[in-house]
Amino acid sequence: MALSAIEGDIVRGRWTDPDAGKSNFGDYANTWFRERDYAATTRGRNGGVLRLHILPTLGALALAEIDTPPVRRWRAELLEAGIGEPTVVKAYQILRAILNTAVDDGLIQRNPCRIKGAGITKTAERPVLTVEEVFAVAAAIEGRYRVMVLLAAFTGLRFGELAALQRRDIDLQGRYVRVRRAQAEPQKGKAEIKAPKSAAGIRTVSFPASLVPELTEHLRIFGESGRTGVLFVGPRGGRLRRNNFHGVWMAALKAAGIKGVHFHDLRHTGNTLAATGGATTRELMSRMGHSTVRAAMIYQHLVGGRDEEIADHVDRQIKEARKPGRSEKPKKPKID
């Protein structure tokens, strides 16, 4: 009977060698991690999560010993220990990815990471600046970063994309910026310039005509010379990085009387402005440099209040159609 069941599983492609699950999870996880094609920043972050929050508890177990109850206990213990929820979510996502590969490799039959919602980060909604607030921060920040603030807010470019911009990426006549590379900043080691994370990150983004004079002046005064000269340099003339820009940013916020805003919120502001302007999901994806609709739909949802604006637009058409002297009889289409 048992032999028949095994033969049936083999025929259906469901049989797993019971000895395969005896492989040590820690060894398998470390091999899995080395084989990932991570960007330097992601490798540093995910490696720390694996080393600090996954392997200490699960590393000594065999793959087959990691079932849903142990995973549930492991996750609960991390939260009880005061580990931040975003870190616990990231740890769960990494564990789930490792065990998905173990399923694909035929080492276990199914992934035990089956806790509903455990892999979803519940982030608080970030602030959206008004156009007036954007210009207040731009006016308060050091002159060499004024245009950087405006580009972040009105094109939605990321910090790393802005830090990697060169003169040749700006077309003042066409009013667009080409995003072809981004700066990655690993926790350890030097910053590096590389291609964006995905093909969608390579894009061309238009900017408002109002920024043309601003960009022209910035290039004349602050931009490095030559086609490959960078647009934005660090406070001491070196490479612009998040750690040397942070103090400049915080000082500008204080001077502008604005609290609780991260530089990345300028991207959030730009994407919201684009959605408010009627950008479609596909158009938002293109401007944001995303290959999936999930992030774009967030901004579509944020401007859901435009439903009232849409109704007002329809109302204006109704009023126009019912003006005194206008016939309510529909015009017959002309037939050639």
C-alpha atoms as a PDB file:
ATOM      1  CA  MET A   1       0.000   0.000   0.000  1.00  0.00           C
ATOM      2  CA  ALA A   2       2.775   2.439   0.971  1.00  0.00           C
ATOM      3  CA  LEU A   3       4.740   1.491  -2.127  1.00  0.00           C
ATOM      4  CA  SER A   4       1.719   2.175  -4.319  1.00  0.00           C
ATOM      5  CA  ALA A   5       1.290   5.589  -2.744  1.00  0.00           C
ATOM      6  CA  ILE A   6       4.949   6.394  -3.412  1.00  0.00           C
ATOM      7  CA  GLU A   7       4.637   5.221  -7.003  1.00  0.00           C
ATOM      8  CA  GLY A   8       1.549   7.404  -7.423  1.00  0.00           C
ATOM      9  CA  ASP A   9       3.379  10.454  -6.054  1.00  0.00           C
ATOM     10  CA  ILE A  10       6.285   9.787  -8.426  1.00  0.00           C
ATOM     11  CA  VAL A  11       3.926   9.598 -11.416  1.00  0.00           C
ATOM     12  CA  ARG A  12       2.224  12.850 -10.361  1.00  0.00           C
ATOM     13  CA  GLY A  13       5.577  14.545  -9.717  1.00  0.00           C
ATOM     14  CA  ARG A  14       4.782  14.997  -6.009  1.00  0.00           C
ATOM     15  CA  TRP A  15       7.293  12.631  -4.454  1.00  0.00           C
ATOM     16  CA  THR A  16      10.041  14.063  -2.278  1.00  0.00           C
ATOM     17  CA  ASP A  17      13.011  12.107  -1.001  1.00  0.00           C
ATOM     18  CA  PRO A  18      12.416  11.933   2.792  1.00  0.00           C
ATOM     19  CA  ASP A  19      16.170  12.206   3.385  1.00  0.00           C
ATOM     20  CA  ALA A  20      16.368  15.455   1.430  1.00  0.00           C
ATOM     21  CA  GLY A  21      14.669  17.365   4.237  1.00  0.00           C
ATOM     22  CA  LYS A  22      17.479  16.385   6.617  1.00  0.00           C
ATOM     23  CA  SER A  23      19.725  19.039   5.045  1.00  0.00           C
ATOM     24  CA  ASN A  24      20.749  21.739   7.519  1.00  0.00           C
ATOM     25  CA  PHE A  25      18.706  24.919   7.033  1.00  0.00           C
ATOM     26  CA  GLY A  26      21.576  27.234   8.008  1.00  0.00           C
ATOM     27  CA  ASP A  27      23.900  25.792   5.389  1.00  0.00           C
ATOM     28  CA  TYR A  28      21.179  25.886   2.759  1.00  0.00           C
ATOM     29  CA  ALA A  29      20.214  29.489   3.639  1.00  0.00           C
ATOM     30  CA  ASN A  30      23.819  30.725   3.431  1.00  0.00           C
ATOM     31  CA  THR A  31      24.278  29.059   0.038  1.00  0.00           C
ATOM     32  CA  TRP A  32      20.965  30.514  -1.148  1.00  0.00           C
ATOM     33  CA  PHE A  33      22.041  33.996  -0.054  1.00  0.00           C
ATOM     34  CA  ARG A  34      25.418  33.812  -1.813  1.00  0.00           C
ATOM     35  CA  GLU A  35      23.664  32.903  -5.062  1.00  0.00           C
ATOM     36  CA  ARG A  36      21.298  35.904  -4.982  1.00  0.00           C
ATOM     37  CA  ASP A  37      21.976  38.665  -7.514  1.00  0.00           C
ATOM     38  CA  TYR A  38      21.395  41.439  -4.986  1.00  0.00           C
ATOM     39  CA  ALA A  39      22.401  45.061  -5.358  1.00  0.00           C
ATOM     40  CA  ALA A  40      25.061  46.075  -2.825  1.00  0.00           C
ATOM     41  CA  THR A  41      22.600  47.967  -0.610  1.00  0.00           C
ATOM     42  CA  THR A  42      20.055  45.141  -0.636  1.00  0.00           C
ATOM     43  CA  ARG A  43      22.757  42.536   0.015  1.00  0.00           C
ATOM     44  CA  GLY A  44      23.936  44.392   3.093  1.00  0.00           C
ATOM     45  CA  ARG A  45      20.421  44.884   4.468  1.00  0.00           C
ATOM     46  CA  ASN A  46      19.142  41.366   3.781  1.00  0.00           C
ATOM     47  CA  GLY A  47      22.383  39.762   4.939  1.00  0.00           C
ATOM     48  CA  GLY A  48      22.035  41.498   8.289  1.00  0.00           C
ATOM     49  CA  VAL A  49      18.438  40.307   8.662  1.00  0.00           C
ATOM     50  CA  LEU A  50      19.413  36.718   7.833  1.00  0.00           C
ATOM     51  CA  ARG A  51      22.378  36.746  10.219  1.00  0.00           C
ATOM     52  CA  LEU A  52      20.671  38.488  13.146  1.00  0.00           C
ATOM     53  CA  HIS A  53      17.042  37.391  13.017  1.00  0.00           C
ATOM     54  CA  ILE A  54      16.729  34.116  11.120  1.00  0.00           C
ATOM     55  CA  LEU A  55      19.793  31.933  11.609  1.00  0.00           C
ATOM     56  CA  PRO A  56      20.090  32.262  15.429  1.00  0.00           C
ATOM     57  CA  THR A  57      16.712  30.537  15.879  1.00  0.00           C
ATOM     58  CA  LEU A  58      16.318  28.373  12.778  1.00  0.00           C
ATOM     59  CA  GLY A  59      19.862  27.861  11.552  1.00  0.00           C
ATOM     60  CA  ALA A  60      20.522  24.602  13.444  1.00  0.00           C
ATOM     61  CA  LEU A  61      17.292  22.905  12.307  1.00  0.00           C
ATOM     62  CA  ALA A  62      16.896  20.526   9.406  1.00  0.00           C
ATOM     63  CA  LEU A  63      14.756  21.838   6.554  1.00  0.00           C
ATOM     64  CA  ALA A  64      12.073  19.266   7.293  1.00  0.00           C
ATOM     65  CA  GLU A  65      11.863  20.435  10.912  1.00  0.00           C
ATOM     66  CA  ILE A  66      10.767  23.916   9.902  1.00  0.00           C
ATOM     67  CA  ASP A  67       6.996  23.633   9.821  1.00  0.00           C
ATOM     68  CA  THR A  68       4.316  26.282  10.222  1.00  0.00           C
ATOM     69  CA  PRO A  69       4.107  26.162  14.076  1.00  0.00           C
ATOM     70  CA  PRO A  70       7.884  26.760  14.515  1.00  0.00           C
ATOM     71  CA  VAL A  71       7.697  29.604  11.983  1.00  0.00           C
ATOM     72  CA  ARG A  72       4.767  31.124  13.857  1.00  0.00           C
ATOM     73  CA  ARG A  73       6.648  30.897  17.188  1.00  0.00           C
ATOM     74  CA  TRP A  74       9.806  32.359  15.639  1.00  0.00           C
ATOM     75  CA  ARG A  75       7.904  35.355  14.272  1.00  0.00           C
ATOM     76  CA  ALA A  76       6.038  35.937  17.549  1.00  0.00           C
ATOM     77  CA  GLU A  77       9.305  35.832  19.522  1.00  0.00           C
ATOM     78  CA  LEU A  78      10.865  38.476  17.274  1.00  0.00           C
ATOM     79  CA  LEU A  79       7.916  40.807  17.815  1.00  0.00           C
ATOM     80  CA  GLU A  80       7.908  40.128  21.571  1.00  0.00           C
ATOM     81  CA  ALA A  81      11.628  40.931  21.710  1.00  0.00           C
ATOM     82  CA  GLY A  82      10.856  44.418  20.429  1.00  0.00           C
ATOM     83  CA  ILE A  83      12.171  43.957  16.887  1.00  0.00           C
ATOM     84  CA  GLY A  84      10.468  46.521  14.650  1.00  0.00           C
ATOM     85  CA  GLU A  85       7.607  45.246  12.531  1.00  0.00           C
ATOM     86  CA  PRO A  86       9.242  46.248   9.200  1.00  0.00           C
ATOM     87  CA  THR A  87      12.318  44.181  10.136  1.00  0.00           C
ATOM     88  CA  VAL A  88      10.181  41.196  11.149  1.00  0.00           C
ATOM     89  CA  VAL A  89       8.275  41.445   7.867  1.00  0.00           C
ATOM     90  CA  LYS A  90      11.558  41.514   5.946  1.00  0.00           C
ATOM     91  CA  ALA A  91      12.834  38.489   7.893  1.00  0.00           C
ATOM     92  CA  TYR A  92       9.637  36.593   7.111  1.00  0.00           C
ATOM     93  CA  GLN A  93       9.891  37.499   3.416  1.00  0.00           C
ATOM     94  CA  ILE A  94      13.489  36.256   3.246  1.00  0.00           C
ATOM     95  CA  LEU A  95      12.637  33.005   5.074  1.00  0.00           C
ATOM     96  CA  ARG A  96       9.694  32.437   2.742  1.00  0.00           C
ATOM     97  CA  ALA A  97      11.898  33.039  -0.322  1.00  0.00           C
ATOM     98  CA  ILE A  98      14.539  30.588   0.937  1.00  0.00           C
ATOM     99  CA  LEU A  99      11.941  27.896   1.586  1.00  0.00           C
ATOM    100  CA  ASN A 100      10.257  28.527  -1.786  1.00  0.00           C
ATOM    101  CA  THR A 101      13.592  27.651  -3.369  1.00  0.00           C
ATOM    102  CA  ALA A 102      13.829  24.556  -1.161  1.00  0.00           C
ATOM    103  CA  VAL A 103      10.433  23.459  -2.541  1.00  0.00           C
ATOM    104  CA  ASP A 104      11.663  24.056  -6.092  1.00  0.00           C
ATOM    105  CA  ASP A 105      14.791  22.026  -5.309  1.00  0.00           C
ATOM    106  CA  GLY A 106      12.658  19.105  -4.130  1.00  0.00           C
ATOM    107  CA  LEU A 107      13.964  19.236  -0.560  1.00  0.00           C
ATOM    108  CA  ILE A 108      10.579  19.890   1.086  1.00  0.00           C
ATOM    109  CA  GLN A 109       7.035  19.372  -0.149  1.00  0.00           C
ATOM    110  CA  ARG A 110       5.529  22.735   0.724  1.00  0.00           C
ATOM    111  CA  ASN A 111       6.547  26.082   2.137  1.00  0.00           C
ATOM    112  CA  PRO A 112       5.634  26.342   5.848  1.00  0.00           C
ATOM    113  CA  CYS A 113       5.463  30.165   5.701  1.00  0.00           C
ATOM    114  CA  ARG A 114       1.685  30.292   5.599  1.00  0.00           C
ATOM    115  CA  ILE A 115       0.886  33.055   8.101  1.00  0.00           C
ATOM    116  CA  LYS A 116      -1.674  35.382   6.564  1.00  0.00           C
ATOM    117  CA  GLY A 117      -0.433  38.971   6.294  1.00  0.00           C
ATOM    118  CA  ALA A 118       2.977  38.236   7.847  1.00  0.00           C
ATOM    119  CA  GLY A 119       4.828  39.281   4.693  1.00  0.00           C
ATOM    120  CA  ILE A 120       3.044  42.614   4.275  1.00  0.00           C
ATOM    121  CA  THR A 121       4.469  45.821   5.710  1.00  0.00           C
ATOM    122  CA  LYS A 122       1.869  48.081   7.320  1.00  0.00           C
ATOM    123  CA  THR A 123       3.422  51.492   6.815  1.00  0.00           C
ATOM    124  CA  ALA A 124       1.907  54.752   7.953  1.00  0.00           C
ATOM    125  CA  GLU A 125       0.850  57.077   5.161  1.00  0.00           C
ATOM    126  CA  ARG A 126       3.653  59.511   4.407  1.00  0.00           C
ATOM    127  CA  PRO A 127       3.009  63.265   4.214  1.00  0.00           C
ATOM    128  CA  VAL A 128       2.380  65.036   0.932  1.00  0.00           C
ATOM    129  CA  LEU A 129       3.791  68.552   0.711  1.00  0.00           C
ATOM    130  CA  THR A 130       1.918  71.365  -0.951  1.00  0.00           C
ATOM    131  CA  VAL A 131       3.590  73.185  -3.838  1.00  0.00           C
ATOM    132  CA  GLU A 132       4.071  76.159  -1.511  1.00  0.00           C
ATOM    133  CA  GLU A 133       5.827  73.953   1.060  1.00  0.00           C
ATOM    134  CA  VAL A 134       8.099  72.503  -1.628  1.00  0.00           C
ATOM    135  CA  PHE A 135       9.228  75.990  -2.631  1.00  0.00           C
ATOM    136  CA  ALA A 136       9.627  76.960   1.042  1.00  0.00           C
ATOM    137  CA  VAL A 137      12.086  74.093   1.556  1.00  0.00           C
ATOM    138  CA  ALA A 138      13.827  74.881  -1.747  1.00  0.00           C
ATOM    139  CA  ALA A 139      14.255  78.492  -0.650  1.00  0.00           C
ATOM    140  CA  ALA A 140      15.628  77.464   2.753  1.00  0.00           C
ATOM    141  CA  ILE A 141      18.146  74.868   1.577  1.00  0.00           C
ATOM    142  CA  GLU A 142      21.685  75.572   0.409  1.00  0.00           C
ATOM    143  CA  GLY A 143      21.651  77.050  -3.098  1.00  0.00           C
ATOM    144  CA  ARG A 144      23.348  74.059  -4.721  1.00  0.00           C
ATOM    145  CA  TYR A 145      20.456  71.813  -3.647  1.00  0.00           C
ATOM    146  CA  ARG A 146      17.502  74.060  -4.530  1.00  0.00           C
ATOM    147  CA  VAL A 147      17.008  72.431  -7.949  1.00  0.00           C
ATOM    148  CA  MET A 148      17.484  68.981  -6.435  1.00  0.00           C
ATOM    149  CA  VAL A 149      14.497  69.601  -4.153  1.00  0.00           C
ATOM    150  CA  LEU A 150      12.383  70.888  -7.049  1.00  0.00           C
ATOM    151  CA  LEU A 151      13.281  67.965  -9.328  1.00  0.00           C
ATOM    152  CA  ALA A 152      12.524  65.443  -6.592  1.00  0.00           C
ATOM    153  CA  ALA A 153       9.133  67.020  -5.949  1.00  0.00           C
ATOM    154  CA  PHE A 154       8.063  67.614  -9.543  1.00  0.00           C
ATOM    155  CA  THR A 155       9.512  64.556 -11.304  1.00  0.00           C
ATOM    156  CA  GLY A 156       9.435  61.956  -8.510  1.00  0.00           C
ATOM    157  CA  LEU A 157      13.090  60.943  -8.947  1.00  0.00           C
ATOM    158  CA  ARG A 158      14.706  59.027  -6.095  1.00  0.00           C
ATOM    159  CA  PHE A 159      17.690  60.346  -4.121  1.00  0.00           C
ATOM    160  CA  GLY A 160      20.039  57.809  -5.706  1.00  0.00           C
ATOM    161  CA  GLU A 161      18.838  58.761  -9.193  1.00  0.00           C
ATOM    162  CA  LEU A 162      19.349  62.463  -8.505  1.00  0.00           C
ATOM    163  CA  ALA A 163      22.825  61.851  -7.064  1.00  0.00           C
ATOM    164  CA  ALA A 164      23.839  60.058 -10.285  1.00  0.00           C
ATOM    165  CA  LEU A 165      22.509  62.677 -12.736  1.00  0.00           C
ATOM    166  CA  GLN A 166      24.999  64.145 -15.206  1.00  0.00           C
ATOM    167  CA  ARG A 167      24.791  67.187 -17.482  1.00  0.00           C
ATOM    168  CA  ARG A 168      24.099  64.998 -20.502  1.00  0.00           C
ATOM    169  CA  ASP A 169      20.954  63.671 -18.767  1.00  0.00           C
ATOM    170  CA  ILE A 170      19.226  67.059 -18.821  1.00  0.00           C
ATOM    171  CA  ASP A 171      17.518  68.368 -21.960  1.00  0.00           C
ATOM    172  CA  LEU A 172      16.440  71.933 -21.310  1.00  0.00           C
ATOM    173  CA  GLN A 173      14.819  72.399 -24.708  1.00  0.00           C
ATOM    174  CA  GLY A 174      12.845  69.175 -24.566  1.00  0.00           C
ATOM    175  CA  ARG A 175      12.159  69.651 -20.826  1.00  0.00           C
ATOM    176  CA  TYR A 176      13.038  66.133 -19.768  1.00  0.00           C
ATOM    177  CA  VAL A 177      15.580  64.281 -17.682  1.00  0.00           C
ATOM    178  CA  ARG A 178      16.972  60.883 -18.636  1.00  0.00           C
ATOM    179  CA  VAL A 179      17.346  58.376 -15.801  1.00  0.00           C
ATOM    180  CA  ARG A 180      20.011  55.883 -16.872  1.00  0.00           C
ATOM    181  CA  ARG A 181      21.858  55.146 -13.656  1.00  0.00           C
ATOM    182  CA  ALA A 182      21.473  55.360  -9.881  1.00  0.00           C
ATOM    183  CA  GLN A 183      23.788  55.623  -6.909  1.00  0.00           C
ATOM    184  CA  ALA A 184      23.737  52.666  -4.505  1.00  0.00           C
ATOM    185  CA  GLU A 185      24.998  53.169  -0.962  1.00  0.00           C
ATOM    186  CA  PRO A 186      25.790  49.912   0.863  1.00  0.00           C
ATOM    187  CA  GLN A 187      26.032  49.994   4.656  1.00  0.00           C
ATOM    188  CA  LYS A 188      29.716  49.163   4.289  1.00  0.00           C
ATOM    189  CA  GLY A 189      31.977  50.164   1.445  1.00  0.00           C
ATOM    190  CA  LYS A 190      31.924  52.926  -1.128  1.00  0.00           C
ATOM    191  CA  ALA A 191      28.921  54.252  -2.989  1.00  0.00           C
ATOM    192  CA  GLU A 192      28.692  52.952  -6.532  1.00  0.00           C
ATOM    193  CA  ILE A 193      26.960  54.116  -9.687  1.00  0.00           C
ATOM    194  CA  LYS A 194      25.028  51.366 -11.442  1.00  0.00           C
ATOM    195  CA  ALA A 195      22.024  50.718 -13.630  1.00  0.00           C
ATOM    196  CA  PRO A 196      18.586  51.032 -11.965  1.00  0.00           C
ATOM    197  CA  LYS A 197      17.165  47.939 -10.253  1.00  0.00           C
ATOM    198  CA  SER A 198      14.899  47.063 -13.171  1.00  0.00           C
ATOM    199  CA  ALA A 199      14.466  47.927 -16.838  1.00  0.00           C
ATOM    200  CA  ALA A 200      11.504  50.112 -15.845  1.00  0.00           C
ATOM    201  CA  GLY A 201      13.902  52.301 -13.848  1.00  0.00           C
ATOM    202  CA  ILE A 202      15.558  53.399 -17.098  1.00  0.00           C
ATOM    203  CA  ARG A 203      13.214  56.124 -18.258  1.00  0.00           C
ATOM    204  CA  THR A 204      12.709  59.671 -19.469  1.00  0.00           C
ATOM    205  CA  VAL A 205      10.720  62.016 -17.221  1.00  0.00           C
ATOM    206  CA  SER A 206       9.405  65.420 -18.275  1.00  0.00           C
ATOM    207  CA  PHE A 207       9.699  68.359 -15.912  1.00  0.00           C
ATOM    208  CA  PRO A 208       7.600  71.568 -15.708  1.00  0.00           C
ATOM    209  CA  ALA A 209       8.605  74.512 -17.919  1.00  0.00           C
ATOM    210  CA  SER A 210       8.956  76.619 -14.748  1.00  0.00           C
ATOM    211  CA  LEU A 211      12.097  74.654 -13.879  1.00  0.00           C
ATOM    212  CA  VAL A 212      13.968  75.502 -17.098  1.00  0.00           C
ATOM    213  CA  PRO A 213      15.361  78.850 -15.786  1.00  0.00           C
ATOM    214  CA  GLU A 214      16.163  77.184 -12.434  1.00  0.00           C
ATOM    215  CA  LEU A 215      18.063  74.336 -14.101  1.00  0.00           C
ATOM    216  CA  THR A 216      19.846  76.692 -16.492  1.00  0.00           C
ATOM    217  CA  GLU A 217      21.153  78.761 -13.581  1.00  0.00           C
ATOM    218  CA  HIS A 218      22.066  75.667 -11.557  1.00  0.00           C
ATOM    219  CA  LEU A 219      24.115  74.204 -14.402  1.00  0.00           C
ATOM    220  CA  ARG A 220      25.913  77.528 -14.846  1.00  0.00           C
ATOM    221  CA  ILE A 221      26.825  77.916 -11.174  1.00  0.00           C
ATOM    222  CA  PHE A 222      26.863  74.536  -9.457  1.00  0.00           C
ATOM    223  CA  GLY A 223      27.022  71.703 -12.005  1.00  0.00           C
ATOM    224  CA  GLU A 224      30.366  70.048 -12.697  1.00  0.00           C
ATOM    225  CA  SER A 225      31.817  70.810 -16.110  1.00  0.00           C
ATOM    226  CA  GLY A 226      31.760  68.419 -19.068  1.00  0.00           C
ATOM    227  CA  ARG A 227      28.990  66.187 -20.397  1.00  0.00           C
ATOM    228  CA  THR A 228      29.550  63.654 -17.629  1.00  0.00           C
ATOM    229  CA  GLY A 229      29.848  66.239 -14.862  1.00  0.00           C
ATOM    230  CA  VAL A 230      27.400  65.504 -12.041  1.00  0.00           C
ATOM    231  CA  LEU A 231      24.589  67.925 -11.259  1.00  0.00           C
ATOM    232  CA  PHE A 232      24.756  67.656  -7.483  1.00  0.00           C
ATOM    233  CA  VAL A 233      27.875  67.289  -5.340  1.00  0.00           C
ATOM    234  CA  GLY A 234      28.333  66.807  -1.613  1.00  0.00           C
ATOM    235  CA  PRO A 235      28.622  69.715   0.859  1.00  0.00           C
ATOM    236  CA  ARG A 236      32.432  69.549   0.651  1.00  0.00           C
ATOM    237  CA  GLY A 237      32.634  69.017  -3.076  1.00  0.00           C
ATOM    238  CA  GLY A 238      32.825  65.213  -2.989  1.00  0.00           C
ATOM    239  CA  ARG A 239      30.182  62.690  -3.918  1.00  0.00           C
ATOM    240  CA  LEU A 240      26.696  63.434  -2.622  1.00  0.00           C
ATOM    241  CA  ARG A 241      25.546  60.761  -0.181  1.00  0.00           C
ATOM    242  CA  ARG A 242      22.606  60.405   2.149  1.00  0.00           C
ATOM    243  CA  ASN A 243      24.731  60.734   5.279  1.00  0.00           C
ATOM    244  CA  ASN A 244      26.385  63.998   4.218  1.00  0.00           C
ATOM    245  CA  PHE A 245      23.100  65.427   2.886  1.00  0.00           C
ATOM    246  CA  HIS A 246      21.007  64.616   5.969  1.00  0.00           C
ATOM    247  CA  GLY A 247      22.200  67.610   8.012  1.00  0.00           C
ATOM    248  CA  VAL A 248      21.600  69.969   5.092  1.00  0.00           C
ATOM    249  CA  TRP A 249      18.064  68.608   4.671  1.00  0.00           C
ATOM    250  CA  MET A 250      17.196  68.873   8.375  1.00  0.00           C
ATOM    251  CA  ALA A 251      18.486  72.440   8.539  1.00  0.00           C
ATOM    252  CA  ALA A 252      16.303  73.410   5.564  1.00  0.00           C
ATOM    253  CA  LEU A 253      13.208  71.858   7.143  1.00  0.00           C
ATOM    254  CA  LYS A 254      13.818  73.757  10.374  1.00  0.00           C
ATOM    255  CA  ALA A 255      14.300  77.032   8.522  1.00  0.00           C
ATOM    256  CA  ALA A 256      11.098  76.424   6.518  1.00  0.00           C
ATOM    257  CA  GLY A 257       9.135  75.534   9.664  1.00  0.00           C
ATOM    258  CA  ILE A 258       8.245  72.045   8.393  1.00  0.00           C
ATOM    259  CA  LYS A 259       8.504  68.926  10.571  1.00  0.00           C
ATOM    260  CA  GLY A 260       8.430  65.168  10.080  1.00  0.00           C
ATOM    261  CA  VAL A 261       9.268  65.100   6.367  1.00  0.00           C
ATOM    262  CA  HIS A 262      11.853  62.805   4.782  1.00  0.00           C
ATOM    263  CA  PHE A 263      13.560  63.655   1.514  1.00  0.00           C
ATOM    264  CA  HIS A 264      11.846  60.621  -0.038  1.00  0.00           C
ATOM    265  CA  ASP A 265       8.502  62.288   0.717  1.00  0.00           C
ATOM    266  CA  LEU A 266       9.276  64.678  -2.142  1.00  0.00           C
ATOM    267  CA  ARG A 267       8.983  61.685  -4.496  1.00  0.00           C
ATOM    268  CA  HIS A 268       5.711  60.822  -2.779  1.00  0.00           C
ATOM    269  CA  THR A 269       4.589  64.423  -3.359  1.00  0.00           C
ATOM    270  CA  GLY A 270       5.555  64.342  -7.050  1.00  0.00           C
ATOM    271  CA  ASN A 271       3.727  61.091  -7.700  1.00  0.00           C
ATOM    272  CA  THR A 272       0.620  62.405  -5.949  1.00  0.00           C
ATOM    273  CA  LEU A 273       0.717  65.609  -8.013  1.00  0.00           C
ATOM    274  CA  ALA A 274       0.969  63.537 -11.198  1.00  0.00           C
ATOM    275  CA  ALA A 275      -1.983  61.388 -10.148  1.00  0.00           C
ATOM    276  CA  THR A 276      -3.996  64.473  -9.239  1.00  0.00           C
ATOM    277  CA  GLY A 277      -3.226  65.841 -12.684  1.00  0.00           C
ATOM    278  CA  GLY A 278      -5.004  62.871 -14.204  1.00  0.00           C
ATOM    279  CA  ALA A 279      -2.066  60.552 -14.961  1.00  0.00           C
ATOM    280  CA  THR A 280      -3.176  57.014 -15.745  1.00  0.00           C
ATOM    281  CA  THR A 281      -1.796  54.000 -13.922  1.00  0.00           C
ATOM    282  CA  ARG A 282       0.491  53.226 -16.867  1.00  0.00           C
ATOM    283  CA  GLU A 283       1.726  56.826 -16.985  1.00  0.00           C
ATOM    284  CA  LEU A 284       2.426  56.794 -13.251  1.00  0.00           C
ATOM    285  CA  MET A 285       4.348  53.532 -13.583  1.00  0.00           C
ATOM    286  CA  SER A 286       6.474  55.087 -16.315  1.00  0.00           C
ATOM    287  CA  ARG A 287       7.280  58.241 -14.319  1.00  0.00           C
ATOM    288  CA  MET A 288       7.978  56.298 -11.131  1.00  0.00           C
ATOM    289  CA  GLY A 289      10.133  53.674 -12.792  1.00  0.00           C
ATOM    290  CA  HIS A 290       8.026  50.731 -11.579  1.00  0.00           C
ATOM    291  CA  SER A 291       7.353  47.541 -13.511  1.00  0.00           C
ATOM    292  CA  THR A 292       4.243  46.563 -11.498  1.00  0.00           C
ATOM    293  CA  VAL A 293       0.977  48.417 -10.897  1.00  0.00           C
ATOM    294  CA  ARG A 294       0.967  48.032  -7.092  1.00  0.00           C
ATOM    295  CA  ALA A 295       2.814  51.255  -6.245  1.00  0.00           C
ATOM    296  CA  ALA A 296       1.021  53.268  -8.926  1.00  0.00           C
ATOM    297  CA  MET A 297      -2.360  52.147  -7.602  1.00  0.00           C
ATOM    298  CA  ILE A 298      -1.458  53.621  -4.202  1.00  0.00           C
ATOM    299  CA  TYR A 299      -1.407  57.086  -5.778  1.00  0.00           C
ATOM    300  CA  GLN A 300      -4.560  56.393  -7.764  1.00  0.00           C
ATOM    301  CA  HIS A 301      -6.194  55.586  -4.422  1.00  0.00           C
ATOM    302  CA  LEU A 302      -4.798  58.694  -2.732  1.00  0.00           C
ATOM    303  CA  VAL A 303      -6.515  60.953  -5.240  1.00  0.00           C
ATOM    304  CA  GLY A 304      -9.799  59.110  -5.060  1.00  0.00           C
ATOM    305  CA  GLY A 305     -11.279  62.406  -3.868  1.00  0.00           C
ATOM    306  CA  ARG A 306     -11.080  63.566  -7.482  1.00  0.00           C
ATOM    307  CA  ASP A 307     -14.421  61.845  -7.921  1.00  0.00           C
ATOM    308  CA  GLU A 308     -15.996  65.115  -6.787  1.00  0.00           C
ATOM    309  CA  GLU A 309     -13.905  67.012  -9.352  1.00  0.00           C
ATOM    310  CA  ILE A 310     -15.078  64.597 -12.035  1.00  0.00           C
ATOM    311  CA  ALA A 311     -18.693  65.170 -10.999  1.00  0.00           C
ATOM    312  CA  ASP A 312     -18.115  68.932 -11.131  1.00  0.00           C
ATOM    313  CA  HIS A 313     -16.668  68.555 -14.625  1.00  0.00           C
ATOM    314  CA  VAL A 314     -19.764  66.647 -15.747  1.00  0.00           C
ATOM    315  CA  ASP A 315     -21.924  69.300 -14.101  1.00  0.00           C
ATOM    316  CA  ARG A 316     -20.158  72.003 -16.120  1.00  0.00           C
ATOM    317  CA  GLN A 317     -20.904  70.101 -19.312  1.00  0.00           C
ATOM    318  CA  ILE A 318     -24.569  69.815 -18.292  1.00  0.00           C
ATOM    319  CA  LYS A 319     -24.793  73.544 -17.610  1.00  0.00           C
ATOM    320  CA  GLU A 320     -23.111  74.310 -20.905  1.00  0.00           C
ATOM    321  CA  ALA A 321     -25.567  72.099 -22.763  1.00  0.00           C
ATOM    322  CA  ARG A 322     -28.582  73.662 -21.043  1.00  0.00           C
ATOM    323  CA  LYS A 323     -27.693  77.315 -21.532  1.00  0.00           C
ATOM    324  CA  PRO A 324     -30.622  79.458 -22.678  1.00  0.00           C
ATOM    325  CA  GLY A 325     -30.981  79.324 -26.426  1.00  0.00           C
ATOM    326  CA  ARG A 326     -29.264  75.942 -26.721  1.00  0.00           C
ATOM    327  CA  SER A 327     -31.435  73.249 -28.242  1.00  0.00           C
ATOM    328  CA  GLU A 328     -31.707  70.075 -26.186  1.00  0.00           C
ATOM    329  CA  LYS A 329     -32.337  68.056 -29.320  1.00  0.00           C
ATOM    330  CA  PRO A 330     -29.192  66.108 -30.193  1.00  0.00           C
ATOM    331  CA  LYS A 331     -27.586  67.098 -33.424  1.00  0.00           C
ATOM    332  CA  LYS A 332     -27.805  64.517 -36.142  1.00  0.00           C
ATOM    333  CA  PRO A 333     -24.433  63.340 -37.283  1.00  0.00           C
ATOM    334  CA  LYS A 334     -23.459  64.428 -40.766  1.00  0.00           C
ATOM    335  CA  ILE A 335     -23.416  61.670 -43.344  1.00  0.00           C
ATOM    336  CA  ASP A 336     -20.852  62.113 -46.096  1.00  0.00           C
END
